[in-house]
Amino acid sequence: EEPLCTGPVEAPPFDRAALIAALRADQAGETEFPEFV
């Protein structure tokens, strides 16, 4: 699919709470797959 970034970029730090929030929003049907990614 369309890349989220191109060229050199800094990788964001791992944020478990933000990941779980993204998972729960997706599981609740609040986001589509592109927003989840």
Full PDB file with SEQRES, HELIX, SHEET, SSBOND, CRYST1, ORIGX, SCALE, CONECT and MASTER records, all heavy atoms in Angstrom:
SEQRES   1 A   37  GLU GLU PRO LEU CYS THR GLY PRO VAL GLU ALA PRO PRO          
SEQRES   2 A   37  PHE ASP ARG ALA ALA LEU ILE ALA ALA LEU ARG ALA ASP          
SEQRES   3 A   37  GLN ALA GLY GLU THR GLU PHE PRO GLU PHE VAL                  
HELIX    1 AA1 ARG A   16  GLN A   27  1                                  12    
HELIX    2 AA2 PHE A   33  PHE A   36  1                                   4    
CRYST1    1.000    1.000    1.000  90.00  90.00  90.00 P 1           1          
ORIGX1      1.000000  0.000000  0.000000        0.00000                         
ORIGX2      0.000000  1.000000  0.000000        0.00000                         
ORIGX3      0.000000  0.000000  1.000000        0.00000                         
SCALE1      1.000000  0.000000  0.000000        0.00000                         
SCALE2      0.000000  1.000000  0.000000        0.00000                         
SCALE3      0.000000  0.000000  1.000000        0.00000                         
ATOM      1  N   GLU A   1       0.856  -1.185   0.000  1.00  0.00           N  
ATOM      2  CA  GLU A   1       0.000   0.000   0.000  1.00  0.00           C  
ATOM      3  C   GLU A   1       0.894   1.237   0.000  1.00  0.00           C  
ATOM      4  O   GLU A   1       2.116   1.123  -0.045  1.00  0.00           O  
ATOM      5  CB  GLU A   1      -0.927  -0.020   1.226  1.00  0.00           C  
ATOM      6  CG  GLU A   1      -1.870  -1.208   1.283  1.00  0.00           C  
ATOM      7  CD  GLU A   1      -2.905  -1.259   0.178  1.00  0.00           C  
ATOM      8  OE1 GLU A   1      -3.179  -0.216  -0.459  1.00  0.00           O  
ATOM      9  OE2 GLU A   1      -3.451  -2.345  -0.066  1.00  0.00           O  
ATOM     10  N   GLU A   2       0.299   2.403   0.079  1.00  0.00           N  
ATOM     11  CA  GLU A   2       1.058   3.663   0.098  1.00  0.00           C  
ATOM     12  C   GLU A   2       1.930   3.713   1.354  1.00  0.00           C  
ATOM     13  O   GLU A   2       1.421   3.573   2.468  1.00  0.00           O  
ATOM     14  CB  GLU A   2       0.078   4.842   0.101  1.00  0.00           C  
ATOM     15  CG  GLU A   2       0.728   6.189  -0.030  1.00  0.00           C  
ATOM     16  CD  GLU A   2       1.324   6.447  -1.403  1.00  0.00           C  
ATOM     17  OE1 GLU A   2       0.803   5.891  -2.392  1.00  0.00           O  
ATOM     18  OE2 GLU A   2       2.298   7.199  -1.467  1.00  0.00           O  
ATOM     19  N   PRO A   3       3.255   3.890   1.198  1.00  0.00           N  
ATOM     20  CA  PRO A   3       4.123   3.967   2.376  1.00  0.00           C  
ATOM     21  C   PRO A   3       3.742   5.122   3.294  1.00  0.00           C  
ATOM     22  O   PRO A   3       3.262   6.166   2.838  1.00  0.00           O  
ATOM     23  CB  PRO A   3       5.517   4.199   1.790  1.00  0.00           C  
ATOM     24  CG  PRO A   3       5.418   3.763   0.365  1.00  0.00           C  
ATOM     25  CD  PRO A   3       3.995   4.009  -0.049  1.00  0.00           C  
ATOM     26  N   LEU A   4       3.967   4.928   4.586  1.00  0.00           N  
ATOM     27  CA  LEU A   4       3.673   5.988   5.558  1.00  0.00           C  
ATOM     28  C   LEU A   4       4.749   7.058   5.556  1.00  0.00           C  
ATOM     29  O   LEU A   4       4.503   8.189   5.978  1.00  0.00           O  
ATOM     30  CB  LEU A   4       3.540   5.391   6.964  1.00  0.00           C  
ATOM     31  CG  LEU A   4       2.460   4.336   7.146  1.00  0.00           C  
ATOM     32  CD1 LEU A   4       2.396   3.898   8.597  1.00  0.00           C  
ATOM     33  CD2 LEU A   4       1.111   4.832   6.671  1.00  0.00           C  
ATOM     34  N   CYS A   5       5.939   6.701   5.126  1.00  0.00           N  
ATOM     35  CA  CYS A   5       7.022   7.672   5.053  1.00  0.00           C  
ATOM     36  C   CYS A   5       7.971   7.255   3.939  1.00  0.00           C  
ATOM     37  O   CYS A   5       7.979   6.101   3.522  1.00  0.00           O  
ATOM     38  CB  CYS A   5       7.753   7.778   6.392  1.00  0.00           C  
ATOM     39  SG  CYS A   5       8.432   6.219   6.982  1.00  0.00           S  
ATOM     40  N   THR A   6       8.738   8.222   3.459  1.00  0.00           N  
ATOM     41  CA  THR A   6       9.771   7.940   2.464  1.00  0.00           C  
ATOM     42  C   THR A   6      11.026   8.687   2.887  1.00  0.00           C  
ATOM     43  O   THR A   6      10.961   9.692   3.602  1.00  0.00           O  
ATOM     44  CB  THR A   6       9.343   8.379   1.051  1.00  0.00           C  
ATOM     45  OG1 THR A   6       9.040   9.771   1.074  1.00  0.00           O  
ATOM     46  CG2 THR A   6       8.140   7.603   0.563  1.00  0.00           C  
ATOM     47  N   GLY A   7      12.147   8.192   2.453  1.00  0.00           N  
ATOM     48  CA  GLY A   7      13.415   8.814   2.828  1.00  0.00           C  
ATOM     49  C   GLY A   7      13.713   8.573   4.294  1.00  0.00           C  
ATOM     50  O   GLY A   7      12.978   7.888   4.995  1.00  0.00           O  
ATOM     51  N   PRO A   8      14.817   9.142   4.766  1.00  0.00           N  
ATOM     52  CA  PRO A   8      15.194   8.947   6.167  1.00  0.00           C  
ATOM     53  C   PRO A   8      14.244   9.674   7.116  1.00  0.00           C  
ATOM     54  O   PRO A   8      13.934  10.846   6.920  1.00  0.00           O  
ATOM     55  CB  PRO A   8      16.602   9.545   6.265  1.00  0.00           C  
ATOM     56  CG  PRO A   8      17.049   9.775   4.863  1.00  0.00           C  
ATOM     57  CD  PRO A   8      15.840   9.863   4.011  1.00  0.00           C  
ATOM     58  N   VAL A   9      13.756   8.955   8.099  1.00  0.00           N  
ATOM     59  CA  VAL A   9      12.929   9.541   9.165  1.00  0.00           C  
ATOM     60  C   VAL A   9      13.309   8.860  10.471  1.00  0.00           C  
ATOM     61  O   VAL A   9      13.782   7.728  10.470  1.00  0.00           O  
ATOM     62  CB  VAL A   9      11.410   9.381   8.915  1.00  0.00           C  
ATOM     63  CG1 VAL A   9      10.963  10.101   7.654  1.00  0.00           C  
ATOM     64  CG2 VAL A   9      11.016   7.924   8.846  1.00  0.00           C  
ATOM     65  N   GLU A  10      13.110   9.543  11.554  1.00  0.00           N  
ATOM     66  CA  GLU A  10      13.344   8.930  12.856  1.00  0.00           C  
ATOM     67  C   GLU A  10      12.162   8.043  13.212  1.00  0.00           C  
ATOM     68  O   GLU A  10      11.013   8.433  13.027  1.00  0.00           O  
ATOM     69  CB  GLU A  10      13.531  10.002  13.928  1.00  0.00           C  
ATOM     70  CG  GLU A  10      14.822  10.773  13.780  1.00  0.00           C  
ATOM     71  CD  GLU A  10      15.055  11.740  14.917  1.00  0.00           C  
ATOM     72  OE1 GLU A  10      14.451  11.578  16.001  1.00  0.00           O  
ATOM     73  OE2 GLU A  10      15.845  12.669  14.705  1.00  0.00           O  
ATOM     74  N   ALA A  11      12.466   6.874  13.728  1.00  0.00           N  
ATOM     75  CA  ALA A  11      11.408   5.978  14.184  1.00  0.00           C  
ATOM     76  C   ALA A  11      10.874   6.493  15.508  1.00  0.00           C  
ATOM     77  O   ALA A  11      11.650   6.818  16.406  1.00  0.00           O  
ATOM     78  CB  ALA A  11      11.952   4.564  14.348  1.00  0.00           C  
ATOM     79  N   PRO A  12       9.555   6.582  15.642  1.00  0.00           N  
ATOM     80  CA  PRO A  12       8.994   7.009  16.923  1.00  0.00           C  
ATOM     81  C   PRO A  12       9.341   6.006  18.024  1.00  0.00           C  
ATOM     82  O   PRO A  12       9.483   4.806  17.750  1.00  0.00           O  
ATOM     83  CB  PRO A  12       7.481   7.022  16.677  1.00  0.00           C  
ATOM     84  CG  PRO A  12       7.299   6.949  15.203  1.00  0.00           C  
ATOM     85  CD  PRO A  12       8.519   6.299  14.647  1.00  0.00           C  
ATOM     86  N   PRO A  13       9.459   6.464  19.260  1.00  0.00           N  
ATOM     87  CA  PRO A  13       9.705   5.522  20.356  1.00  0.00           C  
ATOM     88  C   PRO A  13       8.478   4.639  20.587  1.00  0.00           C  
ATOM     89  O   PRO A  13       7.345   5.058  20.354  1.00  0.00           O  
ATOM     90  CB  PRO A  13       9.968   6.430  21.559  1.00  0.00           C  
ATOM     91  CG  PRO A  13       9.350   7.731  21.208  1.00  0.00           C  
ATOM     92  CD  PRO A  13       9.379   7.850  19.711  1.00  0.00           C  
ATOM     93  N   PHE A  14       8.727   3.407  21.032  1.00  0.00           N  
ATOM     94  CA  PHE A  14       7.643   2.471  21.305  1.00  0.00           C  
ATOM     95  C   PHE A  14       6.816   2.984  22.481  1.00  0.00           C  
ATOM     96  O   PHE A  14       7.348   3.305  23.534  1.00  0.00           O  
ATOM     97  CB  PHE A  14       8.219   1.093  21.635  1.00  0.00           C  
ATOM     98  CG  PHE A  14       7.189   0.002  21.699  1.00  0.00           C  
ATOM     99  CD1 PHE A  14       6.707  -0.589  20.552  1.00  0.00           C  
ATOM    100  CD2 PHE A  14       6.711  -0.439  22.918  1.00  0.00           C  
ATOM    101  CE1 PHE A  14       5.765  -1.606  20.607  1.00  0.00           C  
ATOM    102  CE2 PHE A  14       5.760  -1.449  22.990  1.00  0.00           C  
ATOM    103  CZ  PHE A  14       5.293  -2.035  21.827  1.00  0.00           C  
ATOM    104  N   ASP A  15       5.517   3.080  22.264  1.00  0.00           N  
ATOM    105  CA  ASP A  15       4.593   3.592  23.282  1.00  0.00           C  
ATOM    106  C   ASP A  15       3.469   2.567  23.440  1.00  0.00           C  
ATOM    107  O   ASP A  15       2.501   2.563  22.676  1.00  0.00           O  
ATOM    108  CB  ASP A  15       4.049   4.955  22.851  1.00  0.00           C  
ATOM    109  CG  ASP A  15       3.129   5.603  23.858  1.00  0.00           C  
ATOM    110  OD1 ASP A  15       2.571   4.908  24.742  1.00  0.00           O  
ATOM    111  OD2 ASP A  15       2.938   6.829  23.749  1.00  0.00           O  
ATOM    112  N   ARG A  16       3.626   1.692  24.419  1.00  0.00           N  
ATOM    113  CA  ARG A  16       2.672   0.596  24.635  1.00  0.00           C  
ATOM    114  C   ARG A  16       1.252   1.116  24.839  1.00  0.00           C  
ATOM    115  O   ARG A  16       0.295   0.565  24.284  1.00  0.00           O  
ATOM    116  CB  ARG A  16       3.129  -0.241  25.834  1.00  0.00           C  
ATOM    117  CG  ARG A  16       2.298  -1.464  26.098  1.00  0.00           C  
ATOM    118  CD  ARG A  16       2.913  -2.282  27.260  1.00  0.00           C  
ATOM    119  NE  ARG A  16       2.281  -3.541  27.426  1.00  0.00           N  
ATOM    120  CZ  ARG A  16       1.294  -3.775  28.290  1.00  0.00           C  
ATOM    121  NH1 ARG A  16       0.844  -2.824  29.066  1.00  0.00           N  
ATOM    122  NH2 ARG A  16       0.758  -4.983  28.377  1.00  0.00           N  
ATOM    123  N   ALA A  17       1.086   2.174  25.627  1.00  0.00           N  
ATOM    124  CA  ALA A  17      -0.253   2.712  25.895  1.00  0.00           C  
ATOM    125  C   ALA A  17      -0.896   3.232  24.615  1.00  0.00           C  
ATOM    126  O   ALA A  17      -2.090   3.012  24.374  1.00  0.00           O  
ATOM    127  CB  ALA A  17      -0.179   3.810  26.957  1.00  0.00           C  
ATOM    128  N   ALA A  18      -0.119   3.893  23.764  1.00  0.00           N  
ATOM    129  CA  ALA A  18      -0.663   4.403  22.497  1.00  0.00           C  
ATOM    130  C   ALA A  18      -1.023   3.251  21.562  1.00  0.00           C  
ATOM    131  O   ALA A  18      -2.036   3.317  20.850  1.00  0.00           O  
ATOM    132  CB  ALA A  18       0.337   5.347  21.834  1.00  0.00           C  
ATOM    133  N   LEU A  19      -0.215   2.200  21.575  1.00  0.00           N  
ATOM    134  CA  LEU A  19      -0.530   1.023  20.760  1.00  0.00           C  
ATOM    135  C   LEU A  19      -1.829   0.391  21.225  1.00  0.00           C  
ATOM    136  O   LEU A  19      -2.715   0.082  20.405  1.00  0.00           O  
ATOM    137  CB  LEU A  19       0.607   0.001  20.828  1.00  0.00           C  
ATOM    138  CG  LEU A  19       0.302  -1.368  20.212  1.00  0.00           C  
ATOM    139  CD1 LEU A  19      -0.064  -1.253  18.742  1.00  0.00           C  
ATOM    140  CD2 LEU A  19       1.479  -2.309  20.430  1.00  0.00           C  
ATOM    141  N   ILE A  20      -1.973   0.202  22.517  1.00  0.00           N  
ATOM    142  CA  ILE A  20      -3.200  -0.410  23.044  1.00  0.00           C  
ATOM    143  C   ILE A  20      -4.408   0.462  22.724  1.00  0.00           C  
ATOM    144  O   ILE A  20      -5.474  -0.046  22.361  1.00  0.00           O  
ATOM    145  CB  ILE A  20      -3.057  -0.702  24.550  1.00  0.00           C  
ATOM    146  CG1 ILE A  20      -2.024  -1.826  24.742  1.00  0.00           C  
ATOM    147  CG2 ILE A  20      -4.397  -1.073  25.176  1.00  0.00           C  
ATOM    148  CD1 ILE A  20      -1.618  -2.074  26.172  1.00  0.00           C  
ATOM    149  N   ALA A  21      -4.246   1.783  22.785  1.00  0.00           N  
ATOM    150  CA  ALA A  21      -5.352   2.687  22.420  1.00  0.00           C  
ATOM    151  C   ALA A  21      -5.723   2.512  20.946  1.00  0.00           C  
ATOM    152  O   ALA A  21      -6.916   2.474  20.595  1.00  0.00           O  
ATOM    153  CB  ALA A  21      -4.969   4.133  22.719  1.00  0.00           C  
ATOM    154  N   ALA A  22      -4.725   2.384  20.071  1.00  0.00           N  
ATOM    155  CA  ALA A  22      -5.004   2.161  18.644  1.00  0.00           C  
ATOM    156  C   ALA A  22      -5.693   0.819  18.431  1.00  0.00           C  
ATOM    157  O   ALA A  22      -6.629   0.715  17.624  1.00  0.00           O  
ATOM    158  CB  ALA A  22      -3.702   2.232  17.848  1.00  0.00           C  
ATOM    159  N   LEU A  23      -5.258  -0.201  19.160  1.00  0.00           N  
ATOM    160  CA  LEU A  23      -5.892  -1.520  19.064  1.00  0.00           C  
ATOM    161  C   LEU A  23      -7.352  -1.468  19.512  1.00  0.00           C  
ATOM    162  O   LEU A  23      -8.235  -1.999  18.833  1.00  0.00           O  
ATOM    163  CB  LEU A  23      -5.137  -2.540  19.927  1.00  0.00           C  
ATOM    164  CG  LEU A  23      -3.812  -3.033  19.374  1.00  0.00           C  
ATOM    165  CD1 LEU A  23      -2.996  -3.717  20.464  1.00  0.00           C  
ATOM    166  CD2 LEU A  23      -4.050  -3.980  18.214  1.00  0.00           C  
ATOM    167  N   ARG A  24      -7.596  -0.840  20.646  1.00  0.00           N  
ATOM    168  CA  ARG A  24      -8.969  -0.791  21.181  1.00  0.00           C  
ATOM    169  C   ARG A  24      -9.888   0.020  20.271  1.00  0.00           C  
ATOM    170  O   ARG A  24     -11.056  -0.353  20.079  1.00  0.00           O  
ATOM    171  CB  ARG A  24      -8.982  -0.231  22.602  1.00  0.00           C  
ATOM    172  CG  ARG A  24      -8.217  -1.065  23.621  1.00  0.00           C  
ATOM    173  CD  ARG A  24      -8.715  -2.505  23.732  1.00  0.00           C  
ATOM    174  NE  ARG A  24      -7.845  -3.266  24.609  1.00  0.00           N  
ATOM    175  CZ  ARG A  24      -6.888  -4.091  24.195  1.00  0.00           C  
ATOM    176  NH1 ARG A  24      -6.696  -4.313  22.913  1.00  0.00           N  
ATOM    177  NH2 ARG A  24      -6.127  -4.737  25.069  1.00  0.00           N  
ATOM    178  N   ALA A  25      -9.384   1.104  19.697  1.00  0.00           N  
ATOM    179  CA  ALA A  25     -10.203   1.891  18.764  1.00  0.00           C  
ATOM    180  C   ALA A  25     -10.558   1.051  17.542  1.00  0.00           C  
ATOM    181  O   ALA A  25     -11.703   1.064  17.080  1.00  0.00           O  
ATOM    182  CB  ALA A  25      -9.461   3.162  18.357  1.00  0.00           C  
ATOM    183  N   ASP A  26      -9.593   0.294  17.033  1.00  0.00           N  
ATOM    184  CA  ASP A  26      -9.854  -0.569  15.884  1.00  0.00           C  
ATOM    185  C   ASP A  26     -10.836  -1.670  16.243  1.00  0.00           C  
ATOM    186  O   ASP A  26     -11.779  -1.947  15.496  1.00  0.00           O  
ATOM    187  CB  ASP A  26      -8.537  -1.164  15.369  1.00  0.00           C  
ATOM    188  CG  ASP A  26      -8.744  -1.928  14.086  1.00  0.00           C  
ATOM    189  OD1 ASP A  26      -9.095  -1.286  13.077  1.00  0.00           O  
ATOM    190  OD2 ASP A  26      -8.581  -3.162  14.091  1.00  0.00           O  
ATOM    191  N   GLN A  27     -10.640  -2.292  17.392  1.00  0.00           N  
ATOM    192  CA  GLN A  27     -11.525  -3.368  17.830  1.00  0.00           C  
ATOM    193  C   GLN A  27     -12.955  -2.878  18.044  1.00  0.00           C  
ATOM    194  O   GLN A  27     -13.905  -3.636  17.873  1.00  0.00           O  
ATOM    195  CB  GLN A  27     -10.974  -4.007  19.108  1.00  0.00           C  
ATOM    196  CG  GLN A  27      -9.693  -4.776  18.878  1.00  0.00           C  
ATOM    197  CD  GLN A  27      -8.929  -5.086  20.147  1.00  0.00           C  
ATOM    198  OE1 GLN A  27      -9.230  -4.573  21.226  1.00  0.00           O  
ATOM    199  NE2 GLN A  27      -7.913  -5.925  20.029  1.00  0.00           N  
ATOM    200  N   ALA A  28     -13.097  -1.611  18.412  1.00  0.00           N  
ATOM    201  CA  ALA A  28     -14.429  -1.033  18.631  1.00  0.00           C  
ATOM    202  C   ALA A  28     -15.074  -0.549  17.331  1.00  0.00           C  
ATOM    203  O   ALA A  28     -16.198  -0.048  17.354  1.00  0.00           O  
ATOM    204  CB  ALA A  28     -14.328   0.126  19.623  1.00  0.00           C  
ATOM    205  N   GLY A  29     -14.367  -0.708  16.215  1.00  0.00           N  
ATOM    206  CA  GLY A  29     -14.910  -0.273  14.928  1.00  0.00           C  
ATOM    207  C   GLY A  29     -14.810   1.220  14.711  1.00  0.00           C  
ATOM    208  O   GLY A  29     -15.460   1.758  13.820  1.00  0.00           O  
ATOM    209  N   GLU A  30     -13.982   1.895  15.495  1.00  0.00           N  
ATOM    210  CA  GLU A  30     -13.853   3.351  15.398  1.00  0.00           C  
ATOM    211  C   GLU A  30     -12.865   3.787  14.324  1.00  0.00           C  
ATOM    212  O   GLU A  30     -12.827   4.978  13.975  1.00  0.00           O  
ATOM    213  CB  GLU A  30     -13.424   3.925  16.753  1.00  0.00           C  
ATOM    214  CG  GLU A  30     -14.446   3.678  17.845  1.00  0.00           C  
ATOM    215  CD  GLU A  30     -13.921   3.975  19.235  1.00  0.00           C  
ATOM    216  OE1 GLU A  30     -12.748   4.373  19.375  1.00  0.00           O  
ATOM    217  OE2 GLU A  30     -14.692   3.783  20.188  1.00  0.00           O  
ATOM    218  N   THR A  31     -12.050   2.867  13.814  1.00  0.00           N  
ATOM    219  CA  THR A  31     -11.083   3.198  12.775  1.00  0.00           C  
ATOM    220  C   THR A  31     -11.141   2.154  11.676  1.00  0.00           C  
ATOM    221  O   THR A  31     -11.586   1.027  11.883  1.00  0.00           O  
ATOM    222  CB  THR A  31      -9.638   3.245  13.336  1.00  0.00           C  
ATOM    223  OG1 THR A  31      -9.313   1.969  13.890  1.00  0.00           O  
ATOM    224  CG2 THR A  31      -9.473   4.325  14.393  1.00  0.00           C  
ATOM    225  N   GLU A  32     -10.665   2.541  10.517  1.00  0.00           N  
ATOM    226  CA  GLU A  32     -10.476   1.617   9.404  1.00  0.00           C  
ATOM    227  C   GLU A  32      -9.008   1.188   9.417  1.00  0.00           C  
ATOM    228  O   GLU A  32      -8.178   1.775  10.119  1.00  0.00           O  
ATOM    229  CB  GLU A  32     -10.828   2.304   8.083  1.00  0.00           C  
ATOM    230  CG  GLU A  32     -12.282   2.763   7.992  1.00  0.00           C  
ATOM    231  CD  GLU A  32     -13.263   1.606   7.931  1.00  0.00           C  
ATOM    232  OE1 GLU A  32     -12.922   0.551   7.345  1.00  0.00           O  
ATOM    233  OE2 GLU A  32     -14.376   1.745   8.471  1.00  0.00           O  
ATOM    234  N   PHE A  33      -8.655   0.208   8.610  1.00  0.00           N  
ATOM    235  CA  PHE A  33      -7.302  -0.334   8.628  1.00  0.00           C  
ATOM    236  C   PHE A  33      -6.220   0.724   8.404  1.00  0.00           C  
ATOM    237  O   PHE A  33      -5.218   0.721   9.136  1.00  0.00           O  
ATOM    238  CB  PHE A  33      -7.171  -1.484   7.631  1.00  0.00           C  
ATOM    239  CG  PHE A  33      -5.856  -2.185   7.710  1.00  0.00           C  
ATOM    240  CD1 PHE A  33      -5.504  -2.914   8.836  1.00  0.00           C  
ATOM    241  CD2 PHE A  33      -4.957  -2.109   6.661  1.00  0.00           C  
ATOM    242  CE1 PHE A  33      -4.271  -3.557   8.923  1.00  0.00           C  
ATOM    243  CE2 PHE A  33      -3.731  -2.753   6.740  1.00  0.00           C  
ATOM    244  CZ  PHE A  33      -3.391  -3.474   7.866  1.00  0.00           C  
ATOM    245  N   PRO A  34      -6.358   1.646   7.435  1.00  0.00           N  
ATOM    246  CA  PRO A  34      -5.293   2.649   7.269  1.00  0.00           C  
ATOM    247  C   PRO A  34      -5.047   3.487   8.529  1.00  0.00           C  
ATOM    248  O   PRO A  34      -3.896   3.794   8.856  1.00  0.00           O  
ATOM    249  CB  PRO A  34      -5.791   3.524   6.116  1.00  0.00           C  
ATOM    250  CG  PRO A  34      -6.714   2.639   5.348  1.00  0.00           C  
ATOM    251  CD  PRO A  34      -7.382   1.764   6.389  1.00  0.00           C  
ATOM    252  N   GLU A  35      -6.106   3.830   9.246  1.00  0.00           N  
ATOM    253  CA  GLU A  35      -5.937   4.589  10.491  1.00  0.00           C  
ATOM    254  C   GLU A  35      -5.276   3.727  11.566  1.00  0.00           C  
ATOM    255  O   GLU A  35      -4.476   4.228  12.362  1.00  0.00           O  
ATOM    256  CB  GLU A  35      -7.279   5.119  11.001  1.00  0.00           C  
ATOM    257  CG  GLU A  35      -7.891   6.209  10.150  1.00  0.00           C  
ATOM    258  CD  GLU A  35      -8.725   5.686   8.996  1.00  0.00           C  
ATOM    259  OE1 GLU A  35      -9.098   4.495   8.988  1.00  0.00           O  
ATOM    260  OE2 GLU A  35      -8.988   6.476   8.066  1.00  0.00           O  
ATOM    261  N   PHE A  36      -5.593   2.452  11.591  1.00  0.00           N  
ATOM    262  CA  PHE A  36      -4.955   1.549  12.543  1.00  0.00           C  
ATOM    263  C   PHE A  36      -3.451   1.468  12.286  1.00  0.00           C  
ATOM    264  O   PHE A  36      -2.645   1.555  13.217  1.00  0.00           O  
ATOM    265  CB  PHE A  36      -5.579   0.153  12.470  1.00  0.00           C  
ATOM    266  CG  PHE A  36      -4.819  -0.871  13.256  1.00  0.00           C  
ATOM    267  CD1 PHE A  36      -4.807  -0.830  14.640  1.00  0.00           C  
ATOM    268  CD2 PHE A  36      -4.098  -1.863  12.612  1.00  0.00           C  
ATOM    269  CE1 PHE A  36      -4.083  -1.769  15.381  1.00  0.00           C  
ATOM    270  CE2 PHE A  36      -3.376  -2.799  13.336  1.00  0.00           C  
ATOM    271  CZ  PHE A  36      -3.367  -2.745  14.732  1.00  0.00           C  
ATOM    272  N   VAL A  37      -3.069   1.324  11.021  1.00  0.00           N  
ATOM    273  CA  VAL A  37      -1.644   1.248  10.684  1.00  0.00           C  
ATOM    274  C   VAL A  37      -0.949   2.549  11.076  1.00  0.00           C  
ATOM    275  O   VAL A  37       0.147   2.530  11.642  1.00  0.00           O  
ATOM    276  CB  VAL A  37      -1.448   0.927   9.188  1.00  0.00           C  
ATOM    277  CG1 VAL A  37       0.032   0.990   8.795  1.00  0.00           C  
ATOM    278  CG2 VAL A  37      -2.016  -0.450   8.862  1.00  0.00           C  
TER     279      VAL A  37                                                      
MASTER        0    0    0    2    0    0    0    6  278    1    0    3          
END                                                                             
